[in-house]
Amino acid sequence: MREIDGDGALVTVRIRRVGAARTRRETGGPACDCCVVEERVEIRRLARTELSRVGEIDRTEHIDLLYEQRGTELVERPGNWSASAWDPDGHGEHSVEAKRDELEHYLDAGGVAFGAFVGEGLVGIGVVVPHLRPAVAQLAFLHVTQTLRGAGIGSRLSGELEQVARGAGDSSMVVSATPSANTVRFYMGRGFELMPQPLPELFEREPEDVHMRKVL
């Protein structure tokens, strides 16, 4: 990792691309339908004027397992759900316009946004709001584009957000996470734990989310 002026870092991640088939003769080993390429990912702070670029992120996901939180327990709810792309032209809850407005709201509340870029394209975004409560920060927004999930970008963004929270003097961070299995497992892997009692202001906004806290 090479540091850049304190606002971000360049990291190299290995991303598995599907569709570049290789035969046993070409690889000298088992045939495969993929290849591994290295992409250089830049993570840096975002200016307010860049928040509308959130529409570049593909948030689509097939979800076959959700969790229902009951205190510090999770109950599995198998099913067939899916998250579609944000609507680029509409004005509803899942439109690019609504996501931009949400991000601007967090920055107006003192939040800090980071973006992850591959080349000129935005592939991930995360926002932290320090001092949601005394000594408590909120991880308010974290998305990585569909094709690059699992490449470490979400963890790198989360790490930057935690660093901002610590620097602001917060000793813990809360998140209200989408209750999909992949999302909840991601946060638990980052050290977040289920909260017996969610913060009322977050529960009121997202009652079906999984509410977690991490000691920083």
C-alpha atoms as a PDB file:
ATOM      1  CA  MET A   1       0.000   0.000   0.000  1.00  0.00           C
ATOM      2  CA  ARG A   2       1.361   3.435  -0.928  1.00  0.00           C
ATOM      3  CA  GLU A   3       0.031   6.405   1.050  1.00  0.00           C
ATOM      4  CA  ILE A   4      -1.243   9.484  -0.754  1.00  0.00           C
ATOM      5  CA  ASP A   5      -1.320  12.843   1.108  1.00  0.00           C
ATOM      6  CA  GLY A   6      -3.390  11.472   4.021  1.00  0.00           C
ATOM      7  CA  ASP A   7      -6.724  11.441   2.188  1.00  0.00           C
ATOM      8  CA  GLY A   8      -6.552   7.912   0.809  1.00  0.00           C
ATOM      9  CA  ALA A   9      -4.303   5.138  -0.378  1.00  0.00           C
ATOM     10  CA  LEU A  10      -3.521   3.091  -3.443  1.00  0.00           C
ATOM     11  CA  VAL A  11      -3.972  -0.625  -2.939  1.00  0.00           C
ATOM     12  CA  THR A  12      -3.683  -3.503  -5.392  1.00  0.00           C
ATOM     13  CA  VAL A  13      -6.380  -6.148  -5.274  1.00  0.00           C
ATOM     14  CA  ARG A  14      -6.678  -9.392  -7.220  1.00  0.00           C
ATOM     15  CA  ILE A  15      -9.975  -9.648  -9.046  1.00  0.00           C
ATOM     16  CA  ARG A  16     -11.253 -12.836 -10.671  1.00  0.00           C
ATOM     17  CA  ARG A  17     -12.742 -12.159 -14.074  1.00  0.00           C
ATOM     18  CA  VAL A  18     -15.145 -14.670 -15.630  1.00  0.00           C
ATOM     19  CA  GLY A  19     -15.223 -15.354 -19.319  1.00  0.00           C
ATOM     20  CA  ALA A  20     -11.550 -15.605 -20.319  1.00  0.00           C
ATOM     21  CA  ALA A  21     -11.512 -19.380 -20.739  1.00  0.00           C
ATOM     22  CA  ARG A  22      -8.111 -21.125 -20.635  1.00  0.00           C
ATOM     23  CA  THR A  23      -7.467 -24.733 -21.627  1.00  0.00           C
ATOM     24  CA  ARG A  24      -5.236 -27.252 -19.829  1.00  0.00           C
ATOM     25  CA  ARG A  25      -2.683 -26.886 -22.630  1.00  0.00           C
ATOM     26  CA  GLU A  26      -2.582 -23.096 -22.195  1.00  0.00           C
ATOM     27  CA  THR A  27      -2.318 -23.121 -18.413  1.00  0.00           C
ATOM     28  CA  GLY A  28      -0.304 -26.257 -17.795  1.00  0.00           C
ATOM     29  CA  GLY A  29      -2.945 -27.282 -15.247  1.00  0.00           C
ATOM     30  CA  PRO A  30      -6.702 -27.777 -14.941  1.00  0.00           C
ATOM     31  CA  ALA A  31      -8.798 -25.884 -17.451  1.00  0.00           C
ATOM     32  CA  CYS A  32     -10.706 -22.911 -16.052  1.00  0.00           C
ATOM     33  CA  ASP A  33     -13.288 -20.407 -17.234  1.00  0.00           C
ATOM     34  CA  CYS A  34     -11.657 -17.419 -15.558  1.00  0.00           C
ATOM     35  CA  CYS A  35      -8.434 -15.546 -15.182  1.00  0.00           C
ATOM     36  CA  VAL A  36      -6.985 -13.391 -12.414  1.00  0.00           C
ATOM     37  CA  VAL A  37      -5.982  -9.831 -13.177  1.00  0.00           C
ATOM     38  CA  GLU A  38      -4.606  -7.149 -10.908  1.00  0.00           C
ATOM     39  CA  GLU A  39      -6.436  -3.853 -10.611  1.00  0.00           C
ATOM     40  CA  ARG A  40      -5.071  -0.768  -8.887  1.00  0.00           C
ATOM     41  CA  VAL A  41      -7.731   0.695  -6.617  1.00  0.00           C
ATOM     42  CA  GLU A  42      -7.491   4.255  -5.365  1.00  0.00           C
ATOM     43  CA  ILE A  43      -9.367   5.132  -2.190  1.00  0.00           C
ATOM     44  CA  ARG A  44      -9.749   8.812  -1.410  1.00  0.00           C
ATOM     45  CA  ARG A  45     -12.105  11.318   0.143  1.00  0.00           C
ATOM     46  CA  LEU A  46     -15.017  12.463  -1.980  1.00  0.00           C
ATOM     47  CA  ALA A  47     -16.055  16.056  -2.479  1.00  0.00           C
ATOM     48  CA  ARG A  48     -19.732  16.939  -2.197  1.00  0.00           C
ATOM     49  CA  THR A  49     -19.829  17.596  -5.934  1.00  0.00           C
ATOM     50  CA  GLU A  50     -18.849  13.969  -6.586  1.00  0.00           C
ATOM     51  CA  LEU A  51     -21.703  12.371  -4.652  1.00  0.00           C
ATOM     52  CA  SER A  52     -23.933  12.165  -7.716  1.00  0.00           C
ATOM     53  CA  ARG A  53     -21.467   9.607  -9.091  1.00  0.00           C
ATOM     54  CA  VAL A  54     -23.032   7.055  -6.745  1.00  0.00           C
ATOM     55  CA  GLY A  55     -25.019   5.982  -9.801  1.00  0.00           C
ATOM     56  CA  GLU A  56     -21.860   4.413 -11.230  1.00  0.00           C
ATOM     57  CA  ILE A  57     -22.061   1.674  -8.584  1.00  0.00           C
ATOM     58  CA  ASP A  58     -23.978  -1.457  -9.561  1.00  0.00           C
ATOM     59  CA  ARG A  59     -25.769  -2.484  -6.380  1.00  0.00           C
ATOM     60  CA  THR A  60     -27.527  -5.518  -7.896  1.00  0.00           C
ATOM     61  CA  GLU A  61     -27.456  -8.670  -5.788  1.00  0.00           C
ATOM     62  CA  HIS A  62     -29.290 -11.966  -5.633  1.00  0.00           C
ATOM     63  CA  ILE A  63     -30.331 -12.641  -2.045  1.00  0.00           C
ATOM     64  CA  ASP A  64     -31.655 -15.996  -0.879  1.00  0.00           C
ATOM     65  CA  LEU A  65     -31.261 -15.553   2.875  1.00  0.00           C
ATOM     66  CA  LEU A  66     -32.264 -12.715   5.160  1.00  0.00           C
ATOM     67  CA  TYR A  67     -31.838 -12.379   8.903  1.00  0.00           C
ATOM     68  CA  GLU A  68     -34.403 -11.158  11.401  1.00  0.00           C
ATOM     69  CA  GLN A  69     -32.793  -9.683  14.514  1.00  0.00           C
ATOM     70  CA  ARG A  70     -34.215 -10.556  17.900  1.00  0.00           C
ATOM     71  CA  GLY A  71     -31.957  -8.872  20.393  1.00  0.00           C
ATOM     72  CA  THR A  72     -28.586 -10.590  20.133  1.00  0.00           C
ATOM     73  CA  GLU A  73     -29.963 -13.486  18.081  1.00  0.00           C
ATOM     74  CA  LEU A  74     -30.522 -13.815  14.351  1.00  0.00           C
ATOM     75  CA  VAL A  75     -33.338 -15.844  12.827  1.00  0.00           C
ATOM     76  CA  GLU A  76     -32.857 -17.054   9.262  1.00  0.00           C
ATOM     77  CA  ARG A  77     -35.536 -16.288   6.678  1.00  0.00           C
ATOM     78  CA  PRO A  78     -34.818 -18.219   3.458  1.00  0.00           C
ATOM     79  CA  GLY A  79     -36.464 -16.889   0.339  1.00  0.00           C
ATOM     80  CA  ASN A  80     -35.854 -15.391  -3.060  1.00  0.00           C
ATOM     81  CA  TRP A  81     -35.066 -11.700  -2.925  1.00  0.00           C
ATOM     82  CA  SER A  82     -33.043  -9.509  -5.205  1.00  0.00           C
ATOM     83  CA  ALA A  83     -31.678  -5.976  -5.134  1.00  0.00           C
ATOM     84  CA  SER A  84     -32.021  -4.243  -8.482  1.00  0.00           C
ATOM     85  CA  ALA A  85     -29.898  -1.417  -9.832  1.00  0.00           C
ATOM     86  CA  TRP A  86     -30.642   2.094  -8.639  1.00  0.00           C
ATOM     87  CA  ASP A  87     -33.042   3.853 -10.983  1.00  0.00           C
ATOM     88  CA  PRO A  88     -30.989   6.418 -12.928  1.00  0.00           C
ATOM     89  CA  ASP A  89     -33.981   8.561 -13.933  1.00  0.00           C
ATOM     90  CA  GLY A  90     -36.639   8.172 -11.250  1.00  0.00           C
ATOM     91  CA  HIS A  91     -37.295   9.892  -7.949  1.00  0.00           C
ATOM     92  CA  GLY A  92     -38.209   6.976  -5.700  1.00  0.00           C
ATOM     93  CA  GLU A  93     -36.501   5.447  -2.678  1.00  0.00           C
ATOM     94  CA  HIS A  94     -34.116   3.371  -4.796  1.00  0.00           C
ATOM     95  CA  SER A  95     -33.223   6.025  -7.351  1.00  0.00           C
ATOM     96  CA  VAL A  96     -29.805   7.566  -7.919  1.00  0.00           C
ATOM     97  CA  GLU A  97     -31.351  10.893  -6.966  1.00  0.00           C
ATOM     98  CA  ALA A  98     -32.481   9.530  -3.592  1.00  0.00           C
ATOM     99  CA  LYS A  99     -29.046   8.030  -2.895  1.00  0.00           C
ATOM    100  CA  ARG A 100     -27.343  11.319  -3.739  1.00  0.00           C
ATOM    101  CA  ASP A 101     -29.708  13.182  -1.431  1.00  0.00           C
ATOM    102  CA  GLU A 102     -29.025  10.639   1.323  1.00  0.00           C
ATOM    103  CA  LEU A 103     -25.278  11.091   0.955  1.00  0.00           C
ATOM    104  CA  GLU A 104     -25.593  14.874   0.999  1.00  0.00           C
ATOM    105  CA  HIS A 105     -27.662  14.610   4.177  1.00  0.00           C
ATOM    106  CA  TYR A 106     -24.886  12.651   5.883  1.00  0.00           C
ATOM    107  CA  LEU A 107     -22.256  15.188   4.844  1.00  0.00           C
ATOM    108  CA  ASP A 108     -24.458  18.036   6.076  1.00  0.00           C
ATOM    109  CA  ALA A 109     -24.539  16.231   9.440  1.00  0.00           C
ATOM    110  CA  GLY A 110     -20.731  16.270   9.590  1.00  0.00           C
ATOM    111  CA  GLY A 111     -20.084  13.053   7.726  1.00  0.00           C
ATOM    112  CA  VAL A 112     -17.036  12.136   5.656  1.00  0.00           C
ATOM    113  CA  ALA A 113     -17.295  10.200   2.375  1.00  0.00           C
ATOM    114  CA  PHE A 114     -14.661   8.009   0.744  1.00  0.00           C
ATOM    115  CA  GLY A 115     -14.729   6.608  -2.759  1.00  0.00           C
ATOM    116  CA  ALA A 116     -12.929   3.647  -4.314  1.00  0.00           C
ATOM    117  CA  PHE A 117     -11.857   4.088  -7.927  1.00  0.00           C
ATOM    118  CA  VAL A 118     -10.584   1.730 -10.591  1.00  0.00           C
ATOM    119  CA  GLY A 119      -9.227   3.964 -13.311  1.00  0.00           C
ATOM    120  CA  GLU A 120     -11.721   6.800 -13.653  1.00  0.00           C
ATOM    121  CA  GLY A 121     -14.696   4.733 -12.471  1.00  0.00           C
ATOM    122  CA  LEU A 122     -16.234   4.832  -8.996  1.00  0.00           C
ATOM    123  CA  VAL A 123     -16.606   1.255  -7.734  1.00  0.00           C
ATOM    124  CA  GLY A 124     -17.283   1.771  -4.017  1.00  0.00           C
ATOM    125  CA  ILE A 125     -18.396   4.416  -1.571  1.00  0.00           C
ATOM    126  CA  GLY A 126     -18.509   4.643   2.215  1.00  0.00           C
ATOM    127  CA  VAL A 127     -19.618   7.342   4.650  1.00  0.00           C
ATOM    128  CA  VAL A 128     -19.026   7.800   8.377  1.00  0.00           C
ATOM    129  CA  VAL A 129     -20.810  10.305  10.595  1.00  0.00           C
ATOM    130  CA  PRO A 130     -18.718  11.005  13.711  1.00  0.00           C
ATOM    131  CA  HIS A 131     -20.437  11.891  16.985  1.00  0.00           C
ATOM    132  CA  LEU A 132     -23.882  10.541  16.148  1.00  0.00           C
ATOM    133  CA  ARG A 133     -23.953  10.372  19.934  1.00  0.00           C
ATOM    134  CA  PRO A 134     -21.156  11.231  22.348  1.00  0.00           C
ATOM    135  CA  ALA A 135     -18.211   8.925  21.496  1.00  0.00           C
ATOM    136  CA  VAL A 136     -20.374   6.992  18.988  1.00  0.00           C
ATOM    137  CA  ALA A 137     -19.879   7.195  15.216  1.00  0.00           C
ATOM    138  CA  GLN A 138     -22.244   5.866  12.561  1.00  0.00           C
ATOM    139  CA  LEU A 139     -21.132   3.874   9.550  1.00  0.00           C
ATOM    140  CA  ALA A 140     -23.891   5.390   7.492  1.00  0.00           C
ATOM    141  CA  PHE A 141     -23.337   4.092   3.948  1.00  0.00           C
ATOM    142  CA  LEU A 142     -21.219   1.373   2.342  1.00  0.00           C
ATOM    143  CA  HIS A 143     -21.640  -0.056  -1.149  1.00  0.00           C
ATOM    144  CA  VAL A 144     -19.285  -1.807  -3.567  1.00  0.00           C
ATOM    145  CA  THR A 145     -20.153  -2.442  -7.187  1.00  0.00           C
ATOM    146  CA  GLN A 146     -21.396  -5.957  -7.893  1.00  0.00           C
ATOM    147  CA  THR A 147     -18.489  -7.232  -9.993  1.00  0.00           C
ATOM    148  CA  LEU A 148     -15.821  -6.286  -7.431  1.00  0.00           C
ATOM    149  CA  ARG A 149     -17.373  -7.566  -4.208  1.00  0.00           C
ATOM    150  CA  GLY A 150     -15.114  -9.920  -2.306  1.00  0.00           C
ATOM    151  CA  ALA A 151     -11.953  -8.183  -3.550  1.00  0.00           C
ATOM    152  CA  GLY A 152     -11.273  -6.361  -0.271  1.00  0.00           C
ATOM    153  CA  ILE A 153     -12.620  -2.976  -1.321  1.00  0.00           C
ATOM    154  CA  GLY A 154     -15.416  -2.950   1.270  1.00  0.00           C
ATOM    155  CA  SER A 155     -12.961  -3.818   4.038  1.00  0.00           C
ATOM    156  CA  ARG A 156     -10.570  -1.090   2.915  1.00  0.00           C
ATOM    157  CA  LEU A 157     -13.356   1.506   2.850  1.00  0.00           C
ATOM    158  CA  SER A 158     -14.596   0.360   6.249  1.00  0.00           C
ATOM    159  CA  GLY A 159     -11.080   0.691   7.624  1.00  0.00           C
ATOM    160  CA  GLU A 160     -10.825   4.272   6.379  1.00  0.00           C
ATOM    161  CA  LEU A 161     -14.161   5.128   8.012  1.00  0.00           C
ATOM    162  CA  GLU A 162     -13.087   3.616  11.314  1.00  0.00           C
ATOM    163  CA  GLN A 163      -9.870   5.620  11.195  1.00  0.00           C
ATOM    164  CA  VAL A 164     -11.848   8.852  10.741  1.00  0.00           C
ATOM    165  CA  ALA A 165     -14.086   7.955  13.688  1.00  0.00           C
ATOM    166  CA  ARG A 166     -11.120   7.235  15.940  1.00  0.00           C
ATOM    167  CA  GLY A 167      -9.439  10.459  14.891  1.00  0.00           C
ATOM    168  CA  ALA A 168     -12.586  12.351  15.811  1.00  0.00           C
ATOM    169  CA  GLY A 169     -12.473  10.849  19.310  1.00  0.00           C
ATOM    170  CA  ASP A 170     -15.227   8.255  18.986  1.00  0.00           C
ATOM    171  CA  SER A 171     -14.726   4.957  20.808  1.00  0.00           C
ATOM    172  CA  SER A 172     -17.397   2.886  19.058  1.00  0.00           C
ATOM    173  CA  MET A 173     -19.198   2.682  15.739  1.00  0.00           C
ATOM    174  CA  VAL A 174     -22.749   1.565  14.966  1.00  0.00           C
ATOM    175  CA  VAL A 175     -24.276   0.368  11.723  1.00  0.00           C
ATOM    176  CA  SER A 176     -27.796  -0.550  10.655  1.00  0.00           C
ATOM    177  CA  ALA A 177     -27.053  -3.193   8.044  1.00  0.00           C
ATOM    178  CA  THR A 178     -29.185  -4.581   5.273  1.00  0.00           C
ATOM    179  CA  PRO A 179     -30.310  -7.948   6.703  1.00  0.00           C
ATOM    180  CA  SER A 180     -28.908 -10.054   3.854  1.00  0.00           C
ATOM    181  CA  ALA A 181     -26.598 -12.878   4.897  1.00  0.00           C
ATOM    182  CA  ASN A 182     -23.625 -11.545   2.931  1.00  0.00           C
ATOM    183  CA  THR A 183     -23.895  -8.065   4.426  1.00  0.00           C
ATOM    184  CA  VAL A 184     -24.329  -9.217   8.022  1.00  0.00           C
ATOM    185  CA  ARG A 185     -21.447 -11.678   7.734  1.00  0.00           C
ATOM    186  CA  PHE A 186     -19.245  -8.945   6.276  1.00  0.00           C
ATOM    187  CA  TYR A 187     -19.771  -6.675   9.271  1.00  0.00           C
ATOM    188  CA  MET A 188     -19.352  -9.489  11.759  1.00  0.00           C
ATOM    189  CA  GLY A 189     -16.086 -10.327  10.047  1.00  0.00           C
ATOM    190  CA  ARG A 190     -15.049  -6.712  10.668  1.00  0.00           C
ATOM    191  CA  GLY A 191     -15.673  -7.093  14.408  1.00  0.00           C
ATOM    192  CA  PHE A 192     -19.221  -5.753  14.684  1.00  0.00           C
ATOM    193  CA  GLU A 193     -21.525  -7.388  17.219  1.00  0.00           C
ATOM    194  CA  LEU A 194     -25.300  -7.473  17.523  1.00  0.00           C
ATOM    195  CA  MET A 195     -26.781  -4.767  19.744  1.00  0.00           C
ATOM    196  CA  PRO A 196     -29.302  -5.911  22.371  1.00  0.00           C
ATOM    197  CA  GLN A 197     -31.084  -2.568  21.943  1.00  0.00           C
ATOM    198  CA  PRO A 198     -30.671  -0.606  18.700  1.00  0.00           C
ATOM    199  CA  LEU A 199     -30.346   3.152  18.866  1.00  0.00           C
ATOM    200  CA  PRO A 200     -33.929   4.439  18.626  1.00  0.00           C
ATOM    201  CA  GLU A 201     -33.115   7.003  15.931  1.00  0.00           C
ATOM    202  CA  LEU A 202     -31.638   4.305  13.671  1.00  0.00           C
ATOM    203  CA  PHE A 203     -34.270   1.680  14.465  1.00  0.00           C
ATOM    204  CA  GLU A 204     -37.046   4.143  13.630  1.00  0.00           C
ATOM    205  CA  ARG A 205     -35.531   4.711  10.209  1.00  0.00           C
ATOM    206  CA  GLU A 206     -34.582   1.078   9.431  1.00  0.00           C
ATOM    207  CA  PRO A 207     -36.609  -1.293  11.669  1.00  0.00           C
ATOM    208  CA  GLU A 208     -35.855  -4.363   9.509  1.00  0.00           C
ATOM    209  CA  ASP A 209     -32.089  -3.827   9.456  1.00  0.00           C
ATOM    210  CA  VAL A 210     -29.593  -5.688  11.641  1.00  0.00           C
ATOM    211  CA  HIS A 211     -28.201  -3.222  14.177  1.00  0.00           C
ATOM    212  CA  MET A 212     -24.591  -3.757  15.261  1.00  0.00           C
ATOM    213  CA  ARG A 213     -21.837  -2.019  17.175  1.00  0.00           C
ATOM    214  CA  LYS A 214     -18.036  -2.214  17.093  1.00  0.00           C
ATOM    215  CA  VAL A 215     -15.576  -1.033  19.710  1.00  0.00           C
ATOM    216  CA  LEU A 216     -12.899   1.058  17.992  1.00  0.00           C
END
